[in-house]
Amino acid sequence: MDANEVARYLQNHPEFFEQYADLLAHVHIPSPFGGKAVSITERQVLTLRDKAKSLEAKMAELVTFGEENDLISEKVHRLAVALLTAPDTASVLRALYSHLGGAFAVPHVALRIWGAGSGAVDSHEFDEVGAEIKLFAATLKHPYCGPSAGQEACAWFGERGAHARSMAQIPLREHGSGEGACFGLLVFASEEAHRFYPEMGTLYLERIGDMASAALLRVVG
């Protein structure tokens, strides 16, 4: 009988330790910290202590994530209030730029609108864009997050676009995320390569896109 068979036997016959309880007091195994051997009971205590530390670390991590989500939710709420109370196009654009560049600390923000009230306001947000980027935005099911290299929207940032290394591109739709015709694109850019990366969660980006879409449709649609 080899070690694996012994292990399987003990797993399948837990009553063994009840029948031979005295044996446990005489069995010693190497300490995980080196030195003298310890009893099975002592080893179990050490194992449980390690598990407790691991659970404490995991709990601390979850608490940190929860606190971070609370902060982001508060920022999203404030942006929503600002957009709801913005009376016109200029006010909506100011709210977007000030909150995204301020509370959210997005280094560069750009926006283009081509379907809703296009040309109604004399600003860069209504500048003509190419058919390729319109098609790209329309086919996005979720915000694009990743490298900025090769992305046409980099040109919207002028000279600053040459230094961008990552970006997020959020389609603006008539009926929220993934639904309705696409009428614009909201773009974030950063010089940090990992600020916007492919594996990042996009829930809050989608919510920001929904709010921006609703606010813009209200004032320019």
C-alpha atoms as a PDB file:
ATOM      1  CA  MET A   1       0.000   0.000   0.000  1.00  0.00           C
ATOM      2  CA  ASP A   2       1.506   3.303  -1.057  1.00  0.00           C
ATOM      3  CA  ALA A   3       0.956   6.788   0.388  1.00  0.00           C
ATOM      4  CA  ASN A   4      -1.882   7.634  -2.006  1.00  0.00           C
ATOM      5  CA  GLU A   5      -3.757   4.475  -1.023  1.00  0.00           C
ATOM      6  CA  VAL A   6      -3.304   5.298   2.667  1.00  0.00           C
ATOM      7  CA  ALA A   7      -4.639   8.810   2.073  1.00  0.00           C
ATOM      8  CA  ARG A   8      -7.671   7.483   0.172  1.00  0.00           C
ATOM      9  CA  TYR A   9      -8.363   4.932   2.888  1.00  0.00           C
ATOM     10  CA  LEU A  10      -8.341   7.572   5.628  1.00  0.00           C
ATOM     11  CA  GLN A  11     -10.598   9.839   3.553  1.00  0.00           C
ATOM     12  CA  ASN A  12     -13.059   7.025   2.942  1.00  0.00           C
ATOM     13  CA  HIS A  13     -12.949   5.743   6.533  1.00  0.00           C
ATOM     14  CA  PRO A  14     -13.069   8.722   8.915  1.00  0.00           C
ATOM     15  CA  GLU A  15     -14.205   6.368  11.671  1.00  0.00           C
ATOM     16  CA  PHE A  16     -10.594   5.107  11.783  1.00  0.00           C
ATOM     17  CA  PHE A  17      -9.630   8.077  13.943  1.00  0.00           C
ATOM     18  CA  GLU A  18     -12.490   7.326  16.337  1.00  0.00           C
ATOM     19  CA  GLN A  19     -11.505   3.697  16.666  1.00  0.00           C
ATOM     20  CA  TYR A  20      -7.827   4.543  17.176  1.00  0.00           C
ATOM     21  CA  ALA A  21      -8.069   7.882  18.978  1.00  0.00           C
ATOM     22  CA  ASP A  22      -5.051   7.078  21.179  1.00  0.00           C
ATOM     23  CA  LEU A  23      -2.934   6.676  18.066  1.00  0.00           C
ATOM     24  CA  LEU A  24      -3.257  10.361  17.199  1.00  0.00           C
ATOM     25  CA  ALA A  25      -1.423  11.330  20.347  1.00  0.00           C
ATOM     26  CA  HIS A  26       1.589   9.298  19.252  1.00  0.00           C
ATOM     27  CA  VAL A  27       1.731  10.347  15.599  1.00  0.00           C
ATOM     28  CA  HIS A  28       4.113  13.209  14.839  1.00  0.00           C
ATOM     29  CA  ILE A  29       4.743  14.891  11.496  1.00  0.00           C
ATOM     30  CA  PRO A  30       7.343  17.442  10.371  1.00  0.00           C
ATOM     31  CA  SER A  31       6.607  21.027  11.356  1.00  0.00           C
ATOM     32  CA  PRO A  32       5.979  23.340   8.355  1.00  0.00           C
ATOM     33  CA  PHE A  33       8.394  25.778   9.968  1.00  0.00           C
ATOM     34  CA  GLY A  34      11.246  23.277  10.260  1.00  0.00           C
ATOM     35  CA  GLY A  35      12.749  21.876  13.422  1.00  0.00           C
ATOM     36  CA  LYS A  36      11.071  19.272  15.618  1.00  0.00           C
ATOM     37  CA  ALA A  37       8.051  17.258  14.614  1.00  0.00           C
ATOM     38  CA  VAL A  38       4.593  18.232  15.845  1.00  0.00           C
ATOM     39  CA  SER A  39       1.486  16.231  16.598  1.00  0.00           C
ATOM     40  CA  ILE A  40      -1.390  15.953  14.137  1.00  0.00           C
ATOM     41  CA  THR A  41      -3.480  18.184  16.400  1.00  0.00           C
ATOM     42  CA  GLU A  42      -0.805  20.879  16.417  1.00  0.00           C
ATOM     43  CA  ARG A  43      -0.481  20.593  12.645  1.00  0.00           C
ATOM     44  CA  GLN A  44      -4.242  20.976  12.261  1.00  0.00           C
ATOM     45  CA  VAL A  45      -4.144  24.120  14.379  1.00  0.00           C
ATOM     46  CA  LEU A  46      -1.373  25.534  12.180  1.00  0.00           C
ATOM     47  CA  THR A  47      -3.350  24.655   9.038  1.00  0.00           C
ATOM     48  CA  LEU A  48      -6.505  26.300  10.393  1.00  0.00           C
ATOM     49  CA  ARG A  49      -4.494  29.360  11.373  1.00  0.00           C
ATOM     50  CA  ASP A  50      -3.120  29.639   7.818  1.00  0.00           C
ATOM     51  CA  LYS A  51      -6.640  29.295   6.396  1.00  0.00           C
ATOM     52  CA  ALA A  52      -7.891  31.990   8.769  1.00  0.00           C
ATOM     53  CA  LYS A  53      -5.137  34.353   7.626  1.00  0.00           C
ATOM     54  CA  SER A  54      -5.998  33.635   3.993  1.00  0.00           C
ATOM     55  CA  LEU A  55      -9.692  34.333   4.653  1.00  0.00           C
ATOM     56  CA  GLU A  56      -8.832  37.551   6.480  1.00  0.00           C
ATOM     57  CA  ALA A  57      -6.747  38.711   3.530  1.00  0.00           C
ATOM     58  CA  LYS A  58      -9.569  37.835   1.122  1.00  0.00           C
ATOM     59  CA  MET A  59     -12.093  39.676   3.273  1.00  0.00           C
ATOM     60  CA  ALA A  60      -9.856  42.735   3.417  1.00  0.00           C
ATOM     61  CA  GLU A  61      -9.567  42.621  -0.380  1.00  0.00           C
ATOM     62  CA  LEU A  62     -13.361  42.429  -0.765  1.00  0.00           C
ATOM     63  CA  VAL A  63     -13.830  45.341   1.629  1.00  0.00           C
ATOM     64  CA  THR A  64     -11.357  47.384  -0.397  1.00  0.00           C
ATOM     65  CA  PHE A  65     -13.203  46.567  -3.629  1.00  0.00           C
ATOM     66  CA  GLY A  66     -16.488  47.497  -1.977  1.00  0.00           C
ATOM     67  CA  GLU A  67     -15.132  50.845  -0.818  1.00  0.00           C
ATOM     68  CA  GLU A  68     -13.763  51.572  -4.282  1.00  0.00           C
ATOM     69  CA  ASN A  69     -17.121  50.727  -5.861  1.00  0.00           C
ATOM     70  CA  ASP A  70     -18.879  53.005  -3.382  1.00  0.00           C
ATOM     71  CA  LEU A  71     -16.597  55.887  -4.393  1.00  0.00           C
ATOM     72  CA  ILE A  72     -17.197  55.260  -8.092  1.00  0.00           C
ATOM     73  CA  SER A  73     -20.950  55.000  -7.535  1.00  0.00           C
ATOM     74  CA  GLU A  74     -20.900  58.358  -5.766  1.00  0.00           C
ATOM     75  CA  LYS A  75     -19.045  59.937  -8.682  1.00  0.00           C
ATOM     76  CA  VAL A  76     -21.496  58.447 -11.168  1.00  0.00           C
ATOM     77  CA  HIS A  77     -24.395  59.763  -9.076  1.00  0.00           C
ATOM     78  CA  ARG A  78     -22.983  63.291  -9.052  1.00  0.00           C
ATOM     79  CA  LEU A  79     -22.457  63.166 -12.808  1.00  0.00           C
ATOM     80  CA  ALA A  80     -26.039  61.975 -13.263  1.00  0.00           C
ATOM     81  CA  VAL A  81     -27.383  64.880 -11.200  1.00  0.00           C
ATOM     82  CA  ALA A  82     -25.279  67.347 -13.173  1.00  0.00           C
ATOM     83  CA  LEU A  83     -26.538  65.967 -16.483  1.00  0.00           C
ATOM     84  CA  LEU A  84     -30.161  65.940 -15.323  1.00  0.00           C
ATOM     85  CA  THR A  85     -30.028  69.588 -14.322  1.00  0.00           C
ATOM     86  CA  ALA A  86     -28.100  70.804 -17.395  1.00  0.00           C
ATOM     87  CA  PRO A  87     -30.541  72.992 -19.370  1.00  0.00           C
ATOM     88  CA  ASP A  88     -28.833  73.034 -22.766  1.00  0.00           C
ATOM     89  CA  THR A  89     -26.166  71.438 -24.947  1.00  0.00           C
ATOM     90  CA  ALA A  90     -23.332  73.615 -23.696  1.00  0.00           C
ATOM     91  CA  SER A  91     -24.219  72.803 -20.085  1.00  0.00           C
ATOM     92  CA  VAL A  92     -24.345  69.057 -20.781  1.00  0.00           C
ATOM     93  CA  LEU A  93     -20.928  69.177 -22.425  1.00  0.00           C
ATOM     94  CA  ARG A  94     -19.472  71.192 -19.529  1.00  0.00           C
ATOM     95  CA  ALA A  95     -20.867  68.681 -17.040  1.00  0.00           C
ATOM     96  CA  LEU A  96     -19.350  65.767 -18.918  1.00  0.00           C
ATOM     97  CA  TYR A  97     -15.914  67.312 -19.283  1.00  0.00           C
ATOM     98  CA  SER A  98     -15.727  68.725 -15.761  1.00  0.00           C
ATOM     99  CA  HIS A  99     -16.814  65.534 -13.983  1.00  0.00           C
ATOM    100  CA  LEU A 100     -14.899  63.094 -16.180  1.00  0.00           C
ATOM    101  CA  GLY A 101     -11.732  65.163 -16.062  1.00  0.00           C
ATOM    102  CA  GLY A 102     -12.194  66.076 -12.394  1.00  0.00           C
ATOM    103  CA  ALA A 103     -13.751  63.451 -10.130  1.00  0.00           C
ATOM    104  CA  PHE A 104     -12.940  60.561 -12.484  1.00  0.00           C
ATOM    105  CA  ALA A 105      -9.468  61.927 -13.293  1.00  0.00           C
ATOM    106  CA  VAL A 106      -9.643  60.964 -16.979  1.00  0.00           C
ATOM    107  CA  PRO A 107      -6.675  62.761 -18.593  1.00  0.00           C
ATOM    108  CA  HIS A 108      -8.299  63.344 -21.987  1.00  0.00           C
ATOM    109  CA  VAL A 109     -11.958  63.308 -22.986  1.00  0.00           C
ATOM    110  CA  ALA A 110     -13.406  63.790 -26.463  1.00  0.00           C
ATOM    111  CA  LEU A 111     -16.898  63.502 -27.891  1.00  0.00           C
ATOM    112  CA  ARG A 112     -18.398  63.413 -31.363  1.00  0.00           C
ATOM    113  CA  ILE A 113     -22.090  63.479 -32.267  1.00  0.00           C
ATOM    114  CA  TRP A 114     -23.311  62.731 -35.774  1.00  0.00           C
ATOM    115  CA  GLY A 115     -26.872  61.488 -35.531  1.00  0.00           C
ATOM    116  CA  ALA A 116     -28.830  63.627 -33.096  1.00  0.00           C
ATOM    117  CA  GLY A 117     -29.192  67.288 -33.931  1.00  0.00           C
ATOM    118  CA  SER A 118     -25.869  67.142 -35.743  1.00  0.00           C
ATOM    119  CA  GLY A 119     -24.599  70.606 -36.542  1.00  0.00           C
ATOM    120  CA  ALA A 120     -27.090  72.286 -34.213  1.00  0.00           C
ATOM    121  CA  VAL A 121     -24.260  73.703 -32.134  1.00  0.00           C
ATOM    122  CA  ASP A 122     -21.067  75.279 -33.410  1.00  0.00           C
ATOM    123  CA  SER A 123     -18.506  73.167 -31.519  1.00  0.00           C
ATOM    124  CA  HIS A 124     -15.965  70.446 -32.207  1.00  0.00           C
ATOM    125  CA  GLU A 125     -18.348  67.841 -30.808  1.00  0.00           C
ATOM    126  CA  PHE A 126     -20.345  68.148 -34.048  1.00  0.00           C
ATOM    127  CA  ASP A 127     -17.373  68.000 -36.411  1.00  0.00           C
ATOM    128  CA  GLU A 128     -17.776  65.575 -39.300  1.00  0.00           C
ATOM    129  CA  VAL A 129     -16.358  62.089 -38.738  1.00  0.00           C
ATOM    130  CA  GLY A 130     -15.558  59.377 -41.247  1.00  0.00           C
ATOM    131  CA  ALA A 131     -17.790  56.468 -42.192  1.00  0.00           C
ATOM    132  CA  GLU A 132     -15.307  53.953 -40.733  1.00  0.00           C
ATOM    133  CA  ILE A 133     -15.489  55.303 -37.202  1.00  0.00           C
ATOM    134  CA  LYS A 134     -19.275  55.509 -37.403  1.00  0.00           C
ATOM    135  CA  LEU A 135     -19.362  51.849 -38.375  1.00  0.00           C
ATOM    136  CA  PHE A 136     -16.875  50.982 -35.636  1.00  0.00           C
ATOM    137  CA  ALA A 137     -18.991  52.733 -32.991  1.00  0.00           C
ATOM    138  CA  ALA A 138     -22.202  51.160 -34.266  1.00  0.00           C
ATOM    139  CA  THR A 139     -20.779  47.634 -34.002  1.00  0.00           C
ATOM    140  CA  LEU A 140     -19.575  48.029 -30.409  1.00  0.00           C
ATOM    141  CA  LYS A 141     -21.675  45.889 -28.078  1.00  0.00           C
ATOM    142  CA  HIS A 142     -19.661  47.111 -25.106  1.00  0.00           C
ATOM    143  CA  PRO A 143     -17.166  49.959 -24.657  1.00  0.00           C
ATOM    144  CA  TYR A 144     -13.803  49.366 -26.301  1.00  0.00           C
ATOM    145  CA  CYS A 145     -10.918  49.376 -23.821  1.00  0.00           C
ATOM    146  CA  GLY A 146      -7.360  48.820 -24.964  1.00  0.00           C
ATOM    147  CA  PRO A 147      -4.374  50.244 -26.838  1.00  0.00           C
ATOM    148  CA  SER A 148      -4.853  53.557 -28.609  1.00  0.00           C
ATOM    149  CA  ALA A 149      -2.477  52.671 -31.434  1.00  0.00           C
ATOM    150  CA  GLY A 150      -4.290  52.598 -34.753  1.00  0.00           C
ATOM    151  CA  GLN A 151      -7.505  54.071 -33.327  1.00  0.00           C
ATOM    152  CA  GLU A 152      -8.944  56.832 -35.520  1.00  0.00           C
ATOM    153  CA  ALA A 153     -10.362  58.680 -32.522  1.00  0.00           C
ATOM    154  CA  CYS A 154      -6.832  59.571 -31.386  1.00  0.00           C
ATOM    155  CA  ALA A 155      -6.940  62.406 -33.923  1.00  0.00           C
ATOM    156  CA  TRP A 156      -9.697  64.052 -31.865  1.00  0.00           C
ATOM    157  CA  PHE A 157      -7.126  64.932 -29.208  1.00  0.00           C
ATOM    158  CA  GLY A 158      -4.824  66.818 -31.572  1.00  0.00           C
ATOM    159  CA  GLU A 159      -1.160  66.709 -30.598  1.00  0.00           C
ATOM    160  CA  ARG A 160      -2.030  65.064 -27.279  1.00  0.00           C
ATOM    161  CA  GLY A 161      -3.326  62.033 -29.156  1.00  0.00           C
ATOM    162  CA  ALA A 162       0.204  61.130 -30.223  1.00  0.00           C
ATOM    163  CA  HIS A 163       1.111  60.505 -26.578  1.00  0.00           C
ATOM    164  CA  ALA A 164      -1.943  58.409 -25.713  1.00  0.00           C
ATOM    165  CA  ARG A 165      -1.237  54.736 -25.057  1.00  0.00           C
ATOM    166  CA  SER A 166      -4.639  53.437 -23.983  1.00  0.00           C
ATOM    167  CA  MET A 167      -8.211  54.500 -24.485  1.00  0.00           C
ATOM    168  CA  ALA A 168     -11.856  53.704 -23.832  1.00  0.00           C
ATOM    169  CA  GLN A 169     -14.478  54.291 -26.529  1.00  0.00           C
ATOM    170  CA  ILE A 170     -18.126  54.350 -25.471  1.00  0.00           C
ATOM    171  CA  PRO A 171     -20.874  54.288 -28.119  1.00  0.00           C
ATOM    172  CA  LEU A 172     -23.789  56.683 -27.579  1.00  0.00           C
ATOM    173  CA  ARG A 173     -27.128  55.109 -28.456  1.00  0.00           C
ATOM    174  CA  GLU A 174     -30.722  56.225 -28.603  1.00  0.00           C
ATOM    175  CA  HIS A 175     -32.001  53.627 -26.137  1.00  0.00           C
ATOM    176  CA  GLY A 176     -29.056  52.836 -23.891  1.00  0.00           C
ATOM    177  CA  SER A 177     -26.304  50.237 -23.986  1.00  0.00           C
ATOM    178  CA  GLY A 178     -26.505  47.841 -26.919  1.00  0.00           C
ATOM    179  CA  GLU A 179     -29.842  49.151 -28.159  1.00  0.00           C
ATOM    180  CA  GLY A 180     -30.974  51.786 -30.639  1.00  0.00           C
ATOM    181  CA  ALA A 181     -29.109  53.611 -33.343  1.00  0.00           C
ATOM    182  CA  CYS A 182     -25.620  54.862 -32.531  1.00  0.00           C
ATOM    183  CA  PHE A 183     -25.421  58.646 -32.806  1.00  0.00           C
ATOM    184  CA  GLY A 184     -22.043  59.418 -31.268  1.00  0.00           C
ATOM    185  CA  LEU A 185     -18.906  58.280 -29.499  1.00  0.00           C
ATOM    186  CA  LEU A 186     -17.450  59.279 -26.137  1.00  0.00           C
ATOM    187  CA  VAL A 187     -13.700  58.677 -25.894  1.00  0.00           C
ATOM    188  CA  PHE A 188     -11.263  58.628 -22.965  1.00  0.00           C
ATOM    189  CA  ALA A 189      -7.495  58.548 -23.481  1.00  0.00           C
ATOM    190  CA  SER A 190      -4.482  58.199 -21.214  1.00  0.00           C
ATOM    191  CA  GLU A 191      -0.706  58.188 -21.464  1.00  0.00           C
ATOM    192  CA  GLU A 192      -0.733  55.135 -19.181  1.00  0.00           C
ATOM    193  CA  ALA A 193      -0.753  51.887 -21.138  1.00  0.00           C
ATOM    194  CA  HIS A 194      -2.807  50.064 -18.496  1.00  0.00           C
ATOM    195  CA  ARG A 195      -5.320  52.784 -17.601  1.00  0.00           C
ATOM    196  CA  PHE A 196      -7.794  51.252 -20.072  1.00  0.00           C
ATOM    197  CA  TYR A 197      -7.138  47.589 -20.803  1.00  0.00           C
ATOM    198  CA  PRO A 198      -9.138  44.845 -22.590  1.00  0.00           C
ATOM    199  CA  GLU A 199      -9.944  42.815 -19.470  1.00  0.00           C
ATOM    200  CA  MET A 200     -11.255  45.710 -17.374  1.00  0.00           C
ATOM    201  CA  GLY A 201     -14.888  45.857 -16.323  1.00  0.00           C
ATOM    202  CA  THR A 202     -17.087  48.168 -18.363  1.00  0.00           C
ATOM    203  CA  LEU A 203     -20.212  48.410 -16.193  1.00  0.00           C
ATOM    204  CA  TYR A 204     -19.582  51.991 -15.072  1.00  0.00           C
ATOM    205  CA  LEU A 205     -18.420  53.024 -18.532  1.00  0.00           C
ATOM    206  CA  GLU A 206     -21.692  51.710 -19.958  1.00  0.00           C
ATOM    207  CA  ARG A 207     -23.676  53.621 -17.343  1.00  0.00           C
ATOM    208  CA  ILE A 208     -21.809  56.811 -18.125  1.00  0.00           C
ATOM    209  CA  GLY A 209     -22.535  56.220 -21.815  1.00  0.00           C
ATOM    210  CA  ASP A 210     -26.241  55.706 -21.073  1.00  0.00           C
ATOM    211  CA  MET A 211     -26.431  58.903 -19.051  1.00  0.00           C
ATOM    212  CA  ALA A 212     -24.511  60.932 -21.618  1.00  0.00           C
ATOM    213  CA  SER A 213     -26.738  59.568 -24.391  1.00  0.00           C
ATOM    214  CA  ALA A 214     -29.962  60.455 -22.567  1.00  0.00           C
ATOM    215  CA  ALA A 215     -28.725  63.938 -21.665  1.00  0.00           C
ATOM    216  CA  LEU A 216     -27.529  64.742 -25.189  1.00  0.00           C
ATOM    217  CA  LEU A 217     -30.710  63.433 -26.809  1.00  0.00           C
ATOM    218  CA  ARG A 218     -32.718  65.648 -24.455  1.00  0.00           C
ATOM    219  CA  VAL A 219     -30.947  68.849 -25.475  1.00  0.00           C
ATOM    220  CA  VAL A 220     -29.958  68.264 -29.105  1.00  0.00           C
ATOM    221  CA  GLY A 221     -32.198  65.448 -30.294  1.00  0.00           C
END
